[in-house]
């Protein structure tokens, strides 16, 4: 619209042309909004797929760690059984050993909490500060799970070292 000195307003476009332009502007806006909505939906879908992939990887890592621990315990149990049979242990000793193994199995139910006791407080604090700086929750969770598995492995190795030491001392005393 153009205002003239005389006070009249004139338009270089007809009413029909103005309506077409307004319709084109609306359609363009709608297309842009639709494209943005589709892009956000695609991003959300990708992030959900990424979360599922990470969860599956974590589950696989956890399973592998549990299977490794179970295999290690089975190997140790077989070793103890073989050693017990060759040294001529009595049935009472075997029953006592079975009770001890059950007791150890029951103790390992709270491994996450127990593993924390094998980690110095300053190391736990360092992890907490590291996690506080991370912005991506998936990365944060992955790092936390990785550390927990690392601490569990450290705990298992320490327990195995102690058991081996006790077994060695027991053999020495028996001789």
C-alpha atoms as a PDB file:
ATOM      1  CA  UNK A   1       0.000   0.000   0.000  1.00  0.00           C
ATOM      2  CA  UNK A   2       1.174   3.441  -0.872  1.00  0.00           C
ATOM      3  CA  UNK A   3      -0.206   6.565   0.812  1.00  0.00           C
ATOM      4  CA  UNK A   4      -0.579   9.643  -1.374  1.00  0.00           C
ATOM      5  CA  UNK A   5      -0.307  13.300  -0.301  1.00  0.00           C
ATOM      6  CA  UNK A   6      -3.970  13.653  -0.896  1.00  0.00           C
ATOM      7  CA  UNK A   7      -4.677  11.106   1.874  1.00  0.00           C
ATOM      8  CA  UNK A   8      -5.690   8.294  -0.443  1.00  0.00           C
ATOM      9  CA  UNK A   9      -4.067   4.897  -0.275  1.00  0.00           C
ATOM     10  CA  UNK A  10      -3.470   2.901  -3.386  1.00  0.00           C
ATOM     11  CA  UNK A  11      -2.065  -0.562  -3.809  1.00  0.00           C
ATOM     12  CA  UNK A  12       0.160  -1.650  -6.681  1.00  0.00           C
ATOM     13  CA  UNK A  13      -1.425  -5.110  -6.395  1.00  0.00           C
ATOM     14  CA  UNK A  14      -5.022  -6.172  -6.799  1.00  0.00           C
ATOM     15  CA  UNK A  15      -6.893  -7.752  -3.918  1.00  0.00           C
ATOM     16  CA  UNK A  16      -6.592 -11.138  -5.629  1.00  0.00           C
ATOM     17  CA  UNK A  17      -2.794 -10.788  -5.981  1.00  0.00           C
ATOM     18  CA  UNK A  18      -2.463  -9.828  -2.317  1.00  0.00           C
ATOM     19  CA  UNK A  19      -4.472 -12.896  -1.262  1.00  0.00           C
ATOM     20  CA  UNK A  20      -2.274 -15.149  -3.431  1.00  0.00           C
ATOM     21  CA  UNK A  21       0.879 -13.686  -1.867  1.00  0.00           C
ATOM     22  CA  UNK A  22      -0.538 -14.136   1.631  1.00  0.00           C
ATOM     23  CA  UNK A  23      -1.431 -17.768   0.796  1.00  0.00           C
ATOM     24  CA  UNK A  24       2.095 -18.385  -0.551  1.00  0.00           C
ATOM     25  CA  UNK A  25       3.631 -16.926   2.607  1.00  0.00           C
ATOM     26  CA  UNK A  26       1.375 -19.141   4.780  1.00  0.00           C
ATOM     27  CA  UNK A  27       2.258 -22.249   2.744  1.00  0.00           C
ATOM     28  CA  UNK A  28       5.953 -21.462   2.981  1.00  0.00           C
ATOM     29  CA  UNK A  29       5.649 -21.052   6.749  1.00  0.00           C
ATOM     30  CA  UNK A  30       3.747 -24.332   7.035  1.00  0.00           C
ATOM     31  CA  UNK A  31       6.367 -26.139   4.929  1.00  0.00           C
ATOM     32  CA  UNK A  32       9.147 -24.815   7.132  1.00  0.00           C
ATOM     33  CA  UNK A  33       7.317 -25.824  10.317  1.00  0.00           C
ATOM     34  CA  UNK A  34       6.645 -29.278   8.872  1.00  0.00           C
ATOM     35  CA  UNK A  35      10.306 -29.677   7.891  1.00  0.00           C
ATOM     36  CA  UNK A  36      11.434 -28.634  11.378  1.00  0.00           C
ATOM     37  CA  UNK A  37       8.968 -31.051  12.990  1.00  0.00           C
ATOM     38  CA  UNK A  38      10.138 -33.910  10.771  1.00  0.00           C
ATOM     39  CA  UNK A  39      13.775 -33.091  11.506  1.00  0.00           C
ATOM     40  CA  UNK A  40      13.100 -33.121  15.255  1.00  0.00           C
ATOM     41  CA  UNK A  41      11.271 -36.441  14.965  1.00  0.00           C
ATOM     42  CA  UNK A  42      14.201 -37.917  13.025  1.00  0.00           C
ATOM     43  CA  UNK A  43      16.675 -36.651  15.643  1.00  0.00           C
ATOM     44  CA  UNK A  44      14.536 -38.077  18.438  1.00  0.00           C
ATOM     45  CA  UNK A  45      14.337 -41.428  16.632  1.00  0.00           C
ATOM     46  CA  UNK A  46      18.134 -41.482  16.090  1.00  0.00           C
ATOM     47  CA  UNK A  47      18.777 -40.687  19.746  1.00  0.00           C
ATOM     48  CA  UNK A  48      16.358 -43.419  20.854  1.00  0.00           C
ATOM     49  CA  UNK A  49      18.099 -45.903  18.554  1.00  0.00           C
ATOM     50  CA  UNK A  50      21.465 -44.794  19.937  1.00  0.00           C
ATOM     51  CA  UNK A  51      20.191 -45.259  23.499  1.00  0.00           C
ATOM     52  CA  UNK A  52      18.956 -48.761  22.634  1.00  0.00           C
ATOM     53  CA  UNK A  53      22.309 -49.610  21.008  1.00  0.00           C
ATOM     54  CA  UNK A  54      24.236 -48.376  24.038  1.00  0.00           C
ATOM     55  CA  UNK A  55      21.919 -50.272  26.396  1.00  0.00           C
ATOM     56  CA  UNK A  56      22.463 -53.455  24.378  1.00  0.00           C
ATOM     57  CA  UNK A  57      26.221 -52.950  24.455  1.00  0.00           C
ATOM     58  CA  UNK A  58      26.103 -52.437  28.223  1.00  0.00           C
ATOM     59  CA  UNK A  59      24.004 -55.569  28.635  1.00  0.00           C
ATOM     60  CA  UNK A  60      26.471 -57.527  26.489  1.00  0.00           C
ATOM     61  CA  UNK A  61      29.420 -56.218  28.523  1.00  0.00           C
ATOM     62  CA  UNK A  62      27.660 -57.081  31.768  1.00  0.00           C
ATOM     63  CA  UNK A  63      26.833 -60.575  30.486  1.00  0.00           C
ATOM     64  CA  UNK A  64      30.402 -61.130  29.349  1.00  0.00           C
ATOM     65  CA  UNK A  65      31.753 -60.007  32.729  1.00  0.00           C
ATOM     66  CA  UNK A  66      29.287 -62.249  34.568  1.00  0.00           C
ATOM     67  CA  UNK A  67      30.123 -65.212  32.328  1.00  0.00           C
ATOM     68  CA  UNK A  68      33.833 -64.607  32.834  1.00  0.00           C
ATOM     69  CA  UNK A  69      33.358 -64.481  36.596  1.00  0.00           C
ATOM     70  CA  UNK A  70      31.218 -67.628  36.534  1.00  0.00           C
ATOM     71  CA  UNK A  71      33.783 -69.455  34.412  1.00  0.00           C
ATOM     72  CA  UNK A  72      36.556 -68.364  36.761  1.00  0.00           C
ATOM     73  CA  UNK A  73      34.598 -69.528  39.795  1.00  0.00           C
ATOM     74  CA  UNK A  74      33.798 -72.866  38.100  1.00  0.00           C
ATOM     75  CA  UNK A  75      37.452 -73.351  37.222  1.00  0.00           C
ATOM     76  CA  UNK A  76      38.462 -72.594  40.788  1.00  0.00           C
ATOM     77  CA  UNK A  77      35.778 -74.924  42.152  1.00  0.00           C
ATOM     78  CA  UNK A  78      37.038 -77.762  39.944  1.00  0.00           C
ATOM     79  CA  UNK A  79      40.590 -77.062  41.048  1.00  0.00           C
ATOM     80  CA  UNK A  80      39.526 -77.202  44.696  1.00  0.00           C
ATOM     81  CA  UNK A  81      37.580 -80.432  44.127  1.00  0.00           C
ATOM     82  CA  UNK A  82      40.539 -82.065  42.378  1.00  0.00           C
ATOM     83  CA  UNK A  83      42.921 -80.947  45.084  1.00  0.00           C
ATOM     84  CA  UNK A  84      40.509 -82.112  47.781  1.00  0.00           C
ATOM     85  CA  UNK A  85      40.172 -85.571  46.272  1.00  0.00           C
ATOM     86  CA  UNK A  86      43.886 -86.056  45.783  1.00  0.00           C
ATOM     87  CA  UNK A  87      44.786 -84.990  49.309  1.00  0.00           C
ATOM     88  CA  UNK A  88      42.357 -87.477  50.824  1.00  0.00           C
ATOM     89  CA  UNK A  89      39.975 -85.023  52.513  1.00  0.00           C
ATOM     90  CA  UNK A  90      37.105 -86.388  54.487  1.00  0.00           C
ATOM     91  CA  UNK A  91      33.411 -85.957  53.760  1.00  0.00           C
ATOM     92  CA  UNK A  92      33.197 -83.466  56.603  1.00  0.00           C
ATOM     93  CA  UNK A  93      35.872 -81.316  54.954  1.00  0.00           C
ATOM     94  CA  UNK A  94      33.991 -81.452  51.654  1.00  0.00           C
ATOM     95  CA  UNK A  95      30.751 -80.469  53.402  1.00  0.00           C
ATOM     96  CA  UNK A  96      32.516 -77.602  55.170  1.00  0.00           C
ATOM     97  CA  UNK A  97      34.029 -76.453  51.893  1.00  0.00           C
ATOM     98  CA  UNK A  98      30.589 -76.572  50.254  1.00  0.00           C
ATOM     99  CA  UNK A  99      29.155 -74.428  53.055  1.00  0.00           C
ATOM    100  CA  UNK A 100      31.994 -71.945  52.669  1.00  0.00           C
ATOM    101  CA  UNK A 101      31.413 -71.747  48.916  1.00  0.00           C
ATOM    102  CA  UNK A 102      27.687 -71.124  49.488  1.00  0.00           C
ATOM    103  CA  UNK A 103      28.558 -68.443  52.014  1.00  0.00           C
ATOM    104  CA  UNK A 104      30.892 -66.779  49.523  1.00  0.00           C
ATOM    105  CA  UNK A 105      28.181 -66.983  46.820  1.00  0.00           C
ATOM    106  CA  UNK A 106      25.665 -65.332  49.145  1.00  0.00           C
ATOM    107  CA  UNK A 107      28.157 -62.598  49.958  1.00  0.00           C
ATOM    108  CA  UNK A 108      28.634 -61.778  46.292  1.00  0.00           C
ATOM    109  CA  UNK A 109      24.977 -60.763  45.850  1.00  0.00           C
ATOM    110  CA  UNK A 110      25.742 -57.105  46.621  1.00  0.00           C
ATOM    111  CA  UNK A 111      28.808 -56.871  44.384  1.00  0.00           C
ATOM    112  CA  UNK A 112      28.170 -53.293  43.241  1.00  0.00           C
ATOM    113  CA  UNK A 113      28.194 -52.040  46.801  1.00  0.00           C
ATOM    114  CA  UNK A 114      31.030 -54.335  47.831  1.00  0.00           C
ATOM    115  CA  UNK A 115      33.166 -53.275  44.868  1.00  0.00           C
ATOM    116  CA  UNK A 116      32.963 -49.679  46.050  1.00  0.00           C
ATOM    117  CA  UNK A 117      34.786 -50.671  49.242  1.00  0.00           C
ATOM    118  CA  UNK A 118      37.776 -51.831  47.193  1.00  0.00           C
ATOM    119  CA  UNK A 119      38.044 -48.398  45.548  1.00  0.00           C
ATOM    120  CA  UNK A 120      39.678 -45.499  47.408  1.00  0.00           C
ATOM    121  CA  UNK A 121      37.427 -42.542  48.210  1.00  0.00           C
ATOM    122  CA  UNK A 122      39.548 -40.130  46.167  1.00  0.00           C
ATOM    123  CA  UNK A 123      39.085 -42.323  43.073  1.00  0.00           C
ATOM    124  CA  UNK A 124      35.308 -42.361  43.613  1.00  0.00           C
ATOM    125  CA  UNK A 125      35.361 -38.565  44.062  1.00  0.00           C
ATOM    126  CA  UNK A 126      37.380 -38.168  40.861  1.00  0.00           C
ATOM    127  CA  UNK A 127      34.771 -40.199  38.969  1.00  0.00           C
ATOM    128  CA  UNK A 128      31.968 -38.125  40.462  1.00  0.00           C
ATOM    129  CA  UNK A 129      33.614 -34.871  39.390  1.00  0.00           C
ATOM    130  CA  UNK A 130      34.288 -36.305  35.928  1.00  0.00           C
ATOM    131  CA  UNK A 131      30.657 -37.341  35.577  1.00  0.00           C
ATOM    132  CA  UNK A 132      29.497 -33.913  36.760  1.00  0.00           C
ATOM    133  CA  UNK A 133      31.304 -32.275  33.841  1.00  0.00           C
ATOM    134  CA  UNK A 134      29.650 -34.524  31.238  1.00  0.00           C
ATOM    135  CA  UNK A 135      26.572 -33.131  29.532  1.00  0.00           C
ATOM    136  CA  UNK A 136      25.459 -36.156  27.512  1.00  0.00           C
ATOM    137  CA  UNK A 137      23.484 -38.511  29.799  1.00  0.00           C
ATOM    138  CA  UNK A 138      24.270 -41.523  27.616  1.00  0.00           C
ATOM    139  CA  UNK A 139      27.992 -40.854  27.798  1.00  0.00           C
ATOM    140  CA  UNK A 140      27.663 -40.275  31.550  1.00  0.00           C
ATOM    141  CA  UNK A 141      25.861 -43.574  32.081  1.00  0.00           C
ATOM    142  CA  UNK A 142      28.290 -45.485  29.859  1.00  0.00           C
ATOM    143  CA  UNK A 143      31.305 -44.100  31.778  1.00  0.00           C
ATOM    144  CA  UNK A 144      29.693 -44.931  35.130  1.00  0.00           C
ATOM    145  CA  UNK A 145      28.937 -48.518  34.068  1.00  0.00           C
ATOM    146  CA  UNK A 146      32.453 -48.899  32.684  1.00  0.00           C
ATOM    147  CA  UNK A 147      33.955 -47.828  36.019  1.00  0.00           C
ATOM    148  CA  UNK A 148      31.634 -50.132  37.982  1.00  0.00           C
ATOM    149  CA  UNK A 149      32.704 -53.104  35.849  1.00  0.00           C
ATOM    150  CA  UNK A 150      36.348 -52.108  36.277  1.00  0.00           C
ATOM    151  CA  UNK A 151      35.899 -51.932  40.055  1.00  0.00           C
ATOM    152  CA  UNK A 152      34.111 -55.314  40.110  1.00  0.00           C
ATOM    153  CA  UNK A 153      36.973 -56.875  38.179  1.00  0.00           C
ATOM    154  CA  UNK A 154      39.477 -55.343  40.602  1.00  0.00           C
ATOM    155  CA  UNK A 155      37.450 -56.718  43.537  1.00  0.00           C
ATOM    156  CA  UNK A 156      37.259 -60.209  41.995  1.00  0.00           C
ATOM    157  CA  UNK A 157      40.995 -60.259  41.375  1.00  0.00           C
ATOM    158  CA  UNK A 158      41.707 -59.135  44.931  1.00  0.00           C
ATOM    159  CA  UNK A 159      39.374 -61.811  46.319  1.00  0.00           C
ATOM    160  CA  UNK A 160      41.021 -64.456  44.136  1.00  0.00           C
ATOM    161  CA  UNK A 161      44.470 -63.330  45.264  1.00  0.00           C
ATOM    162  CA  UNK A 162      43.380 -63.596  48.904  1.00  0.00           C
ATOM    163  CA  UNK A 163      41.816 -67.035  48.388  1.00  0.00           C
ATOM    164  CA  UNK A 164      44.947 -68.270  46.671  1.00  0.00           C
ATOM    165  CA  UNK A 165      47.035 -66.950  49.540  1.00  0.00           C
ATOM    166  CA  UNK A 166      44.778 -68.666  52.108  1.00  0.00           C
ATOM    167  CA  UNK A 167      44.890 -71.922  50.140  1.00  0.00           C
ATOM    168  CA  UNK A 168      48.685 -71.725  49.908  1.00  0.00           C
ATOM    169  CA  UNK A 169      48.990 -71.104  53.646  1.00  0.00           C
ATOM    170  CA  UNK A 170      46.530 -73.917  54.376  1.00  0.00           C
ATOM    171  CA  UNK A 171      48.619 -76.332  52.316  1.00  0.00           C
ATOM    172  CA  UNK A 172      51.773 -75.249  54.090  1.00  0.00           C
ATOM    173  CA  UNK A 173      50.159 -75.801  57.481  1.00  0.00           C
ATOM    174  CA  UNK A 174      48.825 -79.196  56.393  1.00  0.00           C
ATOM    175  CA  UNK A 175      52.348 -80.311  55.398  1.00  0.00           C
END
